[in-house]
N, C-alpha and C. Protein backbone atom coordinates (compact mmCIF):
# COMPACT_ATOMS: atom_id res chain seq x y z
N MET A 1 155.99 -80.84 166.29
CA MET A 1 155.66 -79.46 166.56
C MET A 1 153.31 -79.52 166.59
N LYS A 2 153.77 -79.72 167.50
CA LYS A 2 152.09 -79.29 167.51
C LYS A 2 150.69 -78.63 166.97
N GLN A 3 150.57 -79.12 166.56
CA GLN A 3 149.51 -78.65 166.11
C GLN A 3 148.27 -77.52 166.85
N PRO A 4 147.89 -76.36 166.18
CA PRO A 4 146.65 -75.51 167.43
C PRO A 4 145.47 -76.24 166.84
N THR A 5 144.86 -76.19 168.27
CA THR A 5 143.26 -76.75 167.55
C THR A 5 142.77 -75.82 168.45
N PHE A 6 141.81 -75.76 167.63
CA PHE A 6 140.70 -75.03 168.03
C PHE A 6 139.35 -75.80 168.68
N ASN A 7 138.80 -75.39 168.69
CA ASN A 7 136.66 -75.54 169.42
C ASN A 7 135.99 -74.99 169.57
N VAL A 8 134.70 -75.06 169.55
CA VAL A 8 133.81 -74.45 168.96
C VAL A 8 134.02 -73.19 169.60
N ALA A 9 134.29 -72.82 171.04
CA ALA A 9 134.43 -71.89 172.08
C ALA A 9 134.73 -70.46 171.20
N ASP A 10 136.62 -71.03 170.59
CA ASP A 10 137.10 -70.55 169.94
C ASP A 10 136.91 -69.60 169.36
N LEU A 11 136.43 -70.76 167.46
CA LEU A 11 136.02 -70.44 166.92
C LEU A 11 134.81 -69.25 166.73
N MET A 12 134.30 -69.23 168.01
CA MET A 12 132.41 -68.30 167.92
C MET A 12 133.67 -67.38 168.59
N GLU A 13 134.35 -66.80 168.99
CA GLU A 13 135.44 -65.56 169.60
C GLU A 13 135.79 -65.35 168.80
N LEU A 14 136.37 -65.87 167.35
CA LEU A 14 137.44 -65.62 166.54
C LEU A 14 136.19 -64.27 165.72
N VAL A 15 134.96 -65.52 165.01
CA VAL A 15 133.41 -64.97 164.95
C VAL A 15 133.61 -63.26 165.08
N ALA A 16 133.07 -63.39 166.35
CA ALA A 16 132.72 -62.65 167.32
C ALA A 16 133.64 -60.89 167.48
N ASP A 17 135.05 -61.40 168.03
CA ASP A 17 136.17 -60.43 167.38
C ASP A 17 135.89 -59.35 166.42
N GLU A 18 135.96 -60.27 165.30
CA GLU A 18 136.35 -59.44 163.79
C GLU A 18 134.16 -58.80 163.06
N ILE A 19 133.03 -59.82 163.65
CA ILE A 19 131.91 -58.96 163.23
C ILE A 19 131.14 -58.45 164.83
N PRO A 20 131.68 -57.78 165.36
CA PRO A 20 130.53 -58.26 166.62
C PRO A 20 129.62 -56.77 166.93
N GLU A 21 128.86 -56.58 165.27
CA GLU A 21 127.70 -55.97 165.43
C GLU A 21 126.38 -56.40 164.23
N ARG A 22 127.08 -57.44 163.25
CA ARG A 22 126.78 -58.77 162.08
C ARG A 22 125.45 -59.25 163.23
N LEU A 23 124.83 -59.59 163.09
CA LEU A 23 123.05 -60.03 163.36
C LEU A 23 123.70 -61.69 163.13
N ALA A 24 123.70 -62.97 164.18
CA ALA A 24 124.43 -64.11 164.12
C ALA A 24 122.09 -65.24 164.58
N VAL A 25 121.59 -64.31 165.09
CA VAL A 25 120.56 -65.36 165.64
C VAL A 25 118.77 -64.57 165.04
N VAL A 26 117.99 -65.03 164.38
CA VAL A 26 117.50 -63.77 164.31
C VAL A 26 115.81 -64.80 164.31
N SER A 27 115.25 -64.54 165.51
CA SER A 27 113.78 -65.60 165.94
C SER A 27 112.93 -64.82 166.74
N GLY A 28 111.58 -65.01 165.53
CA GLY A 28 111.31 -63.96 165.69
C GLY A 28 111.60 -62.30 165.64
N GLU A 29 111.08 -61.74 167.06
CA GLU A 29 111.11 -60.36 167.37
C GLU A 29 112.91 -60.26 168.03
N ASP A 30 113.04 -61.21 168.38
CA ASP A 30 114.04 -61.47 168.64
C ASP A 30 115.67 -61.01 167.38
N ARG A 31 116.41 -60.65 167.69
CA ARG A 31 118.03 -60.86 167.37
C ARG A 31 118.71 -60.94 168.22
N LEU A 32 119.94 -61.44 168.01
CA LEU A 32 121.44 -61.25 168.59
C LEU A 32 122.30 -61.36 167.34
N THR A 33 123.57 -60.47 167.81
CA THR A 33 124.64 -59.99 167.23
C THR A 33 124.85 -60.84 167.65
N HIS A 34 127.03 -61.50 166.94
CA HIS A 34 128.06 -62.18 167.07
C HIS A 34 128.40 -61.68 168.84
N GLY A 35 128.76 -60.48 168.78
CA GLY A 35 128.98 -60.85 170.32
C GLY A 35 127.41 -60.60 170.97
N GLN A 36 126.92 -60.16 171.00
CA GLN A 36 125.91 -60.44 172.52
C GLN A 36 125.93 -62.43 172.43
N LEU A 37 125.62 -62.70 171.18
CA LEU A 37 125.70 -64.19 170.73
C LEU A 37 127.21 -65.59 172.30
N ASP A 38 128.34 -64.81 171.80
CA ASP A 38 129.72 -64.75 172.51
C ASP A 38 129.11 -64.42 173.90
N GLU A 39 128.38 -63.51 173.89
CA GLU A 39 129.17 -62.68 176.00
C GLU A 39 127.69 -64.48 176.47
N ARG A 40 127.18 -64.33 175.56
CA ARG A 40 126.07 -64.67 176.27
C ARG A 40 126.77 -66.70 176.24
N THR A 41 127.32 -67.26 175.86
CA THR A 41 127.79 -68.43 176.05
C THR A 41 128.94 -68.16 176.52
N ASN A 42 130.14 -67.26 176.57
CA ASN A 42 131.30 -66.99 177.98
C ASN A 42 130.19 -66.99 179.32
N ARG A 43 129.24 -66.82 179.26
CA ARG A 43 128.80 -66.40 180.70
C ARG A 43 128.39 -67.93 181.32
N VAL A 44 127.55 -68.32 180.46
CA VAL A 44 127.77 -69.81 180.81
C VAL A 44 128.82 -70.58 180.83
N ALA A 45 129.95 -70.08 180.09
CA ALA A 45 130.87 -70.94 180.28
C ALA A 45 131.37 -71.12 181.17
N HIS A 46 131.22 -69.96 181.79
CA HIS A 46 132.19 -68.76 183.61
C HIS A 46 131.25 -69.46 184.22
N HIS A 47 129.20 -69.57 183.67
CA HIS A 47 128.97 -70.25 185.43
C HIS A 47 130.04 -72.32 185.11
N LEU A 48 130.16 -72.81 184.59
CA LEU A 48 129.79 -74.29 184.07
C LEU A 48 131.78 -73.84 185.47
N ALA A 49 132.76 -73.10 185.37
CA ALA A 49 134.03 -73.13 185.45
C ALA A 49 134.27 -72.83 186.96
N GLY A 50 133.24 -71.58 187.20
CA GLY A 50 132.99 -71.10 188.59
C GLY A 50 132.57 -72.53 189.56
N LEU A 51 131.63 -73.40 188.82
CA LEU A 51 131.52 -75.13 189.76
C LEU A 51 132.64 -74.76 189.69
N GLY A 52 134.44 -75.41 189.51
CA GLY A 52 135.46 -75.15 189.69
C GLY A 52 135.16 -76.85 189.70
N LEU A 53 134.51 -77.76 189.21
CA LEU A 53 134.46 -78.61 188.84
C LEU A 53 135.86 -79.39 187.96
N GLU A 54 136.12 -78.40 188.10
CA GLU A 54 138.12 -79.30 187.05
C GLU A 54 139.26 -78.52 188.48
N ALA A 55 139.27 -77.61 189.63
CA ALA A 55 139.56 -77.76 190.58
C ALA A 55 140.04 -78.36 191.86
N LEU A 56 137.89 -79.04 191.48
CA LEU A 56 138.06 -80.09 192.88
C LEU A 56 138.26 -81.66 192.37
N THR A 57 138.05 -81.83 191.23
CA THR A 57 138.99 -83.40 190.60
C THR A 57 139.85 -83.21 190.00
N GLY A 58 140.16 -81.88 189.30
CA GLY A 58 141.81 -82.58 188.82
C GLY A 58 141.91 -82.61 187.46
N SER A 59 140.60 -83.08 187.34
CA SER A 59 140.35 -83.27 185.65
C SER A 59 140.43 -82.68 184.50
N PRO A 60 140.86 -82.47 183.61
CA PRO A 60 141.18 -81.62 182.40
C PRO A 60 139.07 -81.73 181.52
N VAL A 61 138.32 -82.53 182.34
CA VAL A 61 137.73 -83.33 181.32
C VAL A 61 135.70 -82.14 181.40
N TRP A 62 135.92 -81.49 181.96
CA TRP A 62 135.37 -80.82 182.50
C TRP A 62 135.51 -79.60 181.43
N ASP A 63 136.89 -78.79 181.35
CA ASP A 63 136.80 -77.97 180.38
C ASP A 63 136.30 -78.39 178.67
N GLY A 64 136.52 -79.51 178.72
CA GLY A 64 136.40 -80.40 177.45
C GLY A 64 134.58 -80.91 177.39
N GLY A 65 133.95 -80.96 178.16
CA GLY A 65 132.34 -80.69 179.01
C GLY A 65 132.11 -79.61 178.64
N ALA A 66 132.44 -78.79 179.10
CA ALA A 66 131.48 -76.80 179.14
C ALA A 66 131.50 -77.00 177.72
N SER A 67 132.56 -77.41 177.54
CA SER A 67 133.07 -76.81 175.74
C SER A 67 131.86 -77.65 174.71
N ILE A 68 131.28 -79.13 174.84
CA ILE A 68 131.04 -79.38 173.61
C ILE A 68 129.66 -79.04 174.22
N LEU A 69 129.62 -78.46 175.83
CA LEU A 69 127.55 -78.04 176.03
C LEU A 69 127.50 -76.87 175.62
N ILE A 70 128.27 -75.46 175.30
CA ILE A 70 128.25 -74.50 174.12
C ILE A 70 127.83 -75.05 172.37
N GLY A 71 128.92 -75.96 172.98
CA GLY A 71 128.07 -76.30 171.45
C GLY A 71 126.86 -76.52 171.16
N LEU A 72 127.03 -77.82 172.53
CA LEU A 72 125.22 -77.96 172.06
C LEU A 72 124.59 -77.45 171.93
N LEU A 73 124.40 -76.37 172.71
CA LEU A 73 123.56 -74.72 172.54
C LEU A 73 123.87 -74.46 171.41
N LEU A 74 124.83 -73.99 170.45
CA LEU A 74 124.62 -73.33 169.39
C LEU A 74 124.04 -74.13 168.21
N VAL A 75 123.96 -75.49 168.30
CA VAL A 75 123.89 -76.35 168.15
C VAL A 75 122.07 -76.48 168.10
N VAL A 76 121.39 -75.93 169.26
CA VAL A 76 119.90 -75.79 169.57
C VAL A 76 119.13 -74.48 169.09
N VAL A 77 120.43 -73.68 168.69
CA VAL A 77 119.86 -72.30 168.78
C VAL A 77 120.21 -72.53 166.78
N ALA A 78 120.58 -73.25 166.79
CA ALA A 78 120.97 -73.27 164.77
C ALA A 78 119.29 -73.83 164.93
N PHE A 79 119.32 -74.91 165.07
CA PHE A 79 117.90 -75.62 164.95
C PHE A 79 116.70 -74.70 165.05
N ARG A 80 116.29 -73.91 166.05
CA ARG A 80 115.53 -73.25 166.21
C ARG A 80 115.49 -71.87 165.27
N LEU A 81 116.60 -71.78 164.94
CA LEU A 81 116.73 -70.42 163.64
C LEU A 81 116.44 -70.93 163.03
N GLY A 82 116.50 -72.39 162.12
CA GLY A 82 116.33 -73.28 161.29
C GLY A 82 114.94 -72.76 161.06
N ASN A 83 115.08 -73.42 161.69
CA ASN A 83 112.55 -73.73 161.97
C ASN A 83 112.42 -71.77 162.58
N ASP A 84 112.39 -71.02 162.39
CA ASP A 84 112.08 -70.06 162.36
C ASP A 84 111.84 -69.27 161.56
N SER A 85 112.87 -69.38 160.74
CA SER A 85 113.39 -69.18 159.87
C SER A 85 112.97 -68.95 158.30
N LYS A 86 112.46 -70.94 157.86
CA LYS A 86 112.36 -71.97 156.90
C LYS A 86 111.62 -71.48 155.94
N ASP A 87 109.97 -69.93 156.19
CA ASP A 87 108.99 -70.34 156.31
C ASP A 87 108.79 -69.06 154.98
N GLY A 88 110.44 -68.25 155.60
CA GLY A 88 110.30 -66.72 155.08
C GLY A 88 111.23 -66.52 154.25
N LEU A 89 112.54 -68.00 154.10
CA LEU A 89 113.76 -68.43 153.17
C LEU A 89 112.87 -69.18 151.95
N ILE A 90 111.37 -69.31 151.65
CA ILE A 90 110.94 -69.75 151.01
C ILE A 90 109.56 -68.58 150.34
N GLY A 91 109.43 -67.92 150.79
CA GLY A 91 108.23 -66.90 150.14
C GLY A 91 107.42 -66.77 151.49
N GLN A 92 107.16 -66.44 151.75
CA GLN A 92 106.28 -65.96 153.39
C GLN A 92 105.57 -65.32 152.66
N ALA A 93 104.12 -65.35 152.97
CA ALA A 93 103.24 -63.87 153.40
C ALA A 93 103.52 -63.15 154.07
N ALA A 94 104.14 -61.79 154.12
CA ALA A 94 103.77 -60.13 155.34
C ALA A 94 102.43 -61.73 155.79
N ASP A 95 103.35 -61.08 157.93
CA ASP A 95 101.72 -61.40 158.60
C ASP A 95 100.54 -60.70 158.71
N PRO A 96 99.70 -60.90 159.21
CA PRO A 96 97.44 -59.84 158.88
C PRO A 96 98.29 -58.20 158.65
N ASP A 97 98.44 -58.17 160.26
CA ASP A 97 99.36 -56.87 160.54
C ASP A 97 99.75 -56.47 160.13
N GLU A 98 101.52 -56.89 159.33
CA GLU A 98 102.15 -56.18 158.79
C GLU A 98 101.19 -55.63 156.70
N GLN A 99 100.22 -56.82 156.73
CA GLN A 99 99.29 -56.23 155.51
C GLN A 99 98.04 -55.72 155.93
N GLY A 100 97.94 -54.72 156.87
CA GLY A 100 97.45 -54.68 157.52
C GLY A 100 97.70 -52.88 157.22
N VAL A 101 98.26 -52.72 157.56
CA VAL A 101 98.84 -51.23 157.23
C VAL A 101 99.50 -51.26 156.31
N ILE A 102 99.95 -52.28 155.63
CA ILE A 102 100.27 -51.91 153.52
C ILE A 102 99.34 -51.75 153.15
N ARG A 103 97.82 -52.30 153.35
CA ARG A 103 96.65 -52.21 152.40
C ARG A 103 96.56 -50.44 153.27
N GLU A 104 96.11 -50.32 154.68
CA GLU A 104 95.66 -48.69 154.94
C GLU A 104 96.41 -47.70 154.13
N GLU A 105 98.01 -47.96 153.86
CA GLU A 105 98.87 -46.57 153.25
C GLU A 105 98.78 -46.54 151.85
N ILE A 106 98.27 -47.90 151.58
CA ILE A 106 98.65 -47.19 150.11
C ILE A 106 96.22 -47.10 149.88
N GLU A 107 95.44 -46.97 150.37
CA GLU A 107 94.33 -47.29 150.33
C GLU A 107 93.29 -45.36 151.14
N SER A 108 95.07 -45.16 151.91
CA SER A 108 94.34 -43.92 151.73
C SER A 108 95.66 -42.23 151.12
N THR A 109 95.76 -42.75 150.20
CA THR A 109 96.92 -41.95 149.61
C THR A 109 95.78 -41.25 148.51
N PRO A 110 95.90 -39.88 148.68
CA PRO A 110 95.11 -39.33 147.19
C PRO A 110 95.38 -39.86 146.26
N GLY A 111 94.50 -39.89 145.49
CA GLY A 111 94.53 -40.76 143.92
C GLY A 111 94.25 -42.08 144.00
N ILE A 112 94.21 -42.97 145.20
CA ILE A 112 94.21 -44.01 144.60
C ILE A 112 92.88 -44.67 144.73
N ALA A 113 91.79 -44.96 143.88
CA ALA A 113 90.41 -45.16 143.67
C ALA A 113 90.14 -47.09 144.64
N LYS A 114 91.23 -47.27 144.64
CA LYS A 114 90.48 -48.30 144.75
C LYS A 114 91.65 -49.39 145.54
N ILE A 115 92.51 -50.86 145.87
CA ILE A 115 93.51 -51.74 145.67
C ILE A 115 92.09 -53.22 145.17
N VAL A 116 93.15 -53.34 143.79
CA VAL A 116 92.68 -54.77 143.27
C VAL A 116 92.85 -55.81 143.60
N GLU A 117 94.63 -55.79 144.27
CA GLU A 117 95.47 -57.38 144.89
C GLU A 117 96.47 -56.33 145.10
N LEU A 118 96.48 -57.67 146.26
CA LEU A 118 97.42 -57.13 147.19
C LEU A 118 98.60 -58.68 147.63
N GLN A 119 99.43 -57.89 146.90
CA GLN A 119 100.30 -60.16 146.92
C GLN A 119 101.54 -59.10 147.82
N THR A 120 101.79 -60.35 149.10
CA THR A 120 103.37 -59.96 149.41
C THR A 120 104.32 -61.56 149.83
N MET A 121 105.22 -61.13 149.73
CA MET A 121 106.18 -62.41 150.30
C MET A 121 107.81 -61.97 150.67
N HIS A 122 108.25 -62.52 151.90
CA HIS A 122 109.65 -62.56 152.43
C HIS A 122 110.27 -63.11 151.59
N MET A 123 111.31 -61.82 151.32
CA MET A 123 112.57 -62.08 150.85
C MET A 123 113.90 -62.66 151.64
N GLY A 124 113.69 -62.50 153.03
CA GLY A 124 114.64 -63.09 153.90
C GLY A 124 114.47 -61.93 155.60
N PRO A 125 114.63 -62.17 156.65
CA PRO A 125 114.59 -61.46 157.77
C PRO A 125 114.40 -60.11 157.34
N GLU A 126 114.47 -59.45 156.49
CA GLU A 126 114.43 -58.26 156.94
C GLU A 126 114.01 -57.17 155.29
N SER A 127 113.70 -58.31 154.67
CA SER A 127 112.97 -57.72 153.35
C SER A 127 111.66 -58.37 152.63
N LEU A 128 111.30 -57.41 152.15
CA LEU A 128 109.58 -57.71 151.96
C LEU A 128 109.08 -57.29 150.06
N ILE A 129 108.90 -58.10 149.59
CA ILE A 129 108.20 -57.61 148.43
C ILE A 129 106.93 -57.50 148.40
N VAL A 130 106.45 -56.03 148.12
CA VAL A 130 105.00 -55.22 147.84
C VAL A 130 104.51 -55.10 146.73
N ALA A 131 103.44 -56.07 146.21
CA ALA A 131 103.26 -55.60 144.83
C ALA A 131 101.19 -55.25 144.82
N ALA A 132 101.28 -54.56 143.92
CA ALA A 132 99.74 -54.33 144.33
C ALA A 132 99.34 -53.74 143.69
N ARG A 133 98.38 -54.15 142.90
CA ARG A 133 97.15 -54.04 141.73
C ARG A 133 96.57 -52.86 142.24
N VAL A 134 96.68 -51.27 141.44
CA VAL A 134 95.96 -50.07 142.44
C VAL A 134 94.80 -49.70 140.98
N ALA A 135 94.00 -49.49 141.17
CA ALA A 135 92.69 -48.51 140.15
C ALA A 135 93.16 -46.90 141.28
N PHE A 136 93.73 -46.32 140.20
CA PHE A 136 94.29 -44.75 140.30
C PHE A 136 93.03 -43.63 140.20
N SER A 137 92.78 -42.95 140.79
CA SER A 137 90.76 -42.10 140.37
C SER A 137 91.34 -42.02 139.13
N ASP A 138 89.86 -41.12 138.55
CA ASP A 138 90.32 -40.40 137.24
C ASP A 138 90.82 -39.26 136.81
N GLY A 139 90.88 -39.10 136.03
CA GLY A 139 92.09 -37.96 135.42
C GLY A 139 92.97 -38.26 136.24
N ILE A 140 94.10 -38.96 136.37
CA ILE A 140 95.24 -38.89 137.45
C ILE A 140 95.99 -39.46 136.04
N SER A 141 97.75 -37.94 135.55
CA SER A 141 98.46 -38.04 134.77
C SER A 141 98.88 -39.44 134.72
N ALA A 142 100.68 -39.62 134.43
CA ALA A 142 100.40 -41.44 134.63
C ALA A 142 101.79 -40.39 135.37
N ASP A 143 102.43 -39.42 135.02
CA ASP A 143 103.80 -38.15 136.02
C ASP A 143 103.17 -38.73 137.58
N ARG A 144 101.67 -38.30 137.45
CA ARG A 144 101.51 -38.08 139.51
C ARG A 144 101.26 -39.30 139.27
N ALA A 145 100.52 -40.64 138.77
CA ALA A 145 100.98 -41.67 139.18
C ALA A 145 102.40 -42.35 139.24
N GLU A 146 103.26 -41.91 138.58
CA GLU A 146 104.47 -42.36 138.89
C GLU A 146 105.08 -42.05 140.51
N ASP A 147 104.76 -39.89 140.86
CA ASP A 147 104.20 -39.66 142.08
C ASP A 147 103.66 -39.94 143.16
N ILE A 148 102.68 -40.41 142.93
CA ILE A 148 101.54 -41.29 143.52
C ILE A 148 102.83 -43.16 144.71
N ALA A 149 103.23 -43.86 143.25
CA ALA A 149 103.88 -45.06 143.31
C ALA A 149 104.92 -44.51 144.71
N GLY A 150 105.78 -43.73 144.35
CA GLY A 150 107.22 -42.62 145.26
C GLY A 150 107.23 -42.73 146.28
N ASP A 151 105.58 -42.09 146.52
CA ASP A 151 104.81 -41.79 148.25
C ASP A 151 104.55 -43.31 148.87
N ILE A 152 103.97 -44.19 148.44
CA ILE A 152 103.91 -45.50 148.92
C ILE A 152 105.07 -45.59 149.04
N ASP A 153 106.22 -45.46 148.39
CA ASP A 153 106.69 -46.27 148.57
C ASP A 153 107.62 -45.69 149.53
N GLU A 154 108.14 -44.65 150.52
CA GLU A 154 108.67 -43.95 150.72
C GLU A 154 107.40 -44.13 152.49
N ARG A 155 106.42 -43.71 152.32
CA ARG A 155 105.57 -44.59 153.69
C ARG A 155 105.89 -45.25 153.95
N LEU A 156 105.97 -47.09 153.09
CA LEU A 156 105.60 -48.07 153.39
C LEU A 156 106.81 -48.00 154.15
N ARG A 157 108.53 -47.90 153.82
CA ARG A 157 110.06 -47.68 153.87
C ARG A 157 109.85 -47.11 155.98
N ALA A 158 108.96 -46.52 155.56
CA ALA A 158 108.33 -45.39 156.80
C ALA A 158 107.69 -46.07 158.22
N LYS A 159 106.73 -46.78 157.80
CA LYS A 159 105.33 -47.20 158.52
C LYS A 159 105.69 -49.21 159.09
N LEU A 160 107.09 -49.66 157.90
CA LEU A 160 107.31 -51.77 158.83
C LEU A 160 108.59 -51.36 158.99
N PRO A 161 109.19 -52.03 160.31
CA PRO A 161 110.36 -52.91 160.44
C PRO A 161 111.12 -53.15 159.79
N LEU A 162 110.97 -53.62 158.52
CA LEU A 162 111.95 -53.65 157.39
C LEU A 162 112.01 -52.90 156.10
N MET A 163 112.74 -53.48 155.40
CA MET A 163 113.08 -53.11 154.14
C MET A 163 112.07 -53.59 152.93
N PRO A 164 110.89 -53.02 152.19
CA PRO A 164 110.09 -53.20 151.62
C PRO A 164 110.15 -52.90 149.86
N HIS A 165 109.96 -53.93 149.19
CA HIS A 165 110.39 -52.90 147.86
C HIS A 165 108.75 -53.16 146.98
N VAL A 166 108.52 -52.01 146.75
CA VAL A 166 107.10 -52.04 146.18
C VAL A 166 106.86 -51.89 145.23
N PHE A 167 105.97 -52.60 143.85
CA PHE A 167 105.41 -52.54 142.97
C PHE A 167 104.24 -52.03 143.32
N ILE A 168 104.34 -51.17 142.49
CA ILE A 168 102.17 -50.90 142.10
C ILE A 168 102.04 -50.88 140.65
N ASP A 169 101.51 -51.54 140.59
CA ASP A 169 100.72 -52.10 138.98
C ASP A 169 99.21 -51.06 138.44
N PRO A 170 99.40 -49.80 138.53
CA PRO A 170 98.23 -49.73 137.72
C PRO A 170 96.89 -50.12 136.96
N THR A 171 95.70 -50.40 137.30
CA THR A 171 95.38 -50.83 136.81
C THR A 171 93.61 -50.41 136.57
N GLN A 172 93.03 -50.99 134.88
CA GLN A 172 91.45 -49.97 135.03
C GLN A 172 90.59 -51.48 135.72
N THR A 173 89.83 -50.38 136.21
CA THR A 173 88.73 -51.80 136.69
C THR A 173 87.34 -52.05 136.31
């Protein structure tokens, strides 16, 4: 009995069929789902098949060569993905533009006197921890401080392209 064989392209198609909308590649601002990645690799395979090398030569080597080429393409994508995301995986701070948005939103909140300290850390491509030590205006009650922290959290979720986890630490200056 002959055992079924799989190549990289077959495995990619199986994954794309099961979870086509799940992110497969995140590189900077670029994002590809498994379905999109499968579609692009299929274009490469069809292009190679369109060259007619197997039909021209009668040798099935070209089909194997196309599979190897697609596998190599996936290896290159994986290395690029790893290099682009390794900093984010080990706790990279938010970029200066994001920090500026965060600082502006917190400082413009009524009831906040000033930001004493602001720390950010990426927890992955879609998640960011925001920890801010803030001085509240005089006369702010504990209930009002909690409302202000909730306001800041909601506004940052609306402004940032990723999911922030906001921690506000009230402090005296």
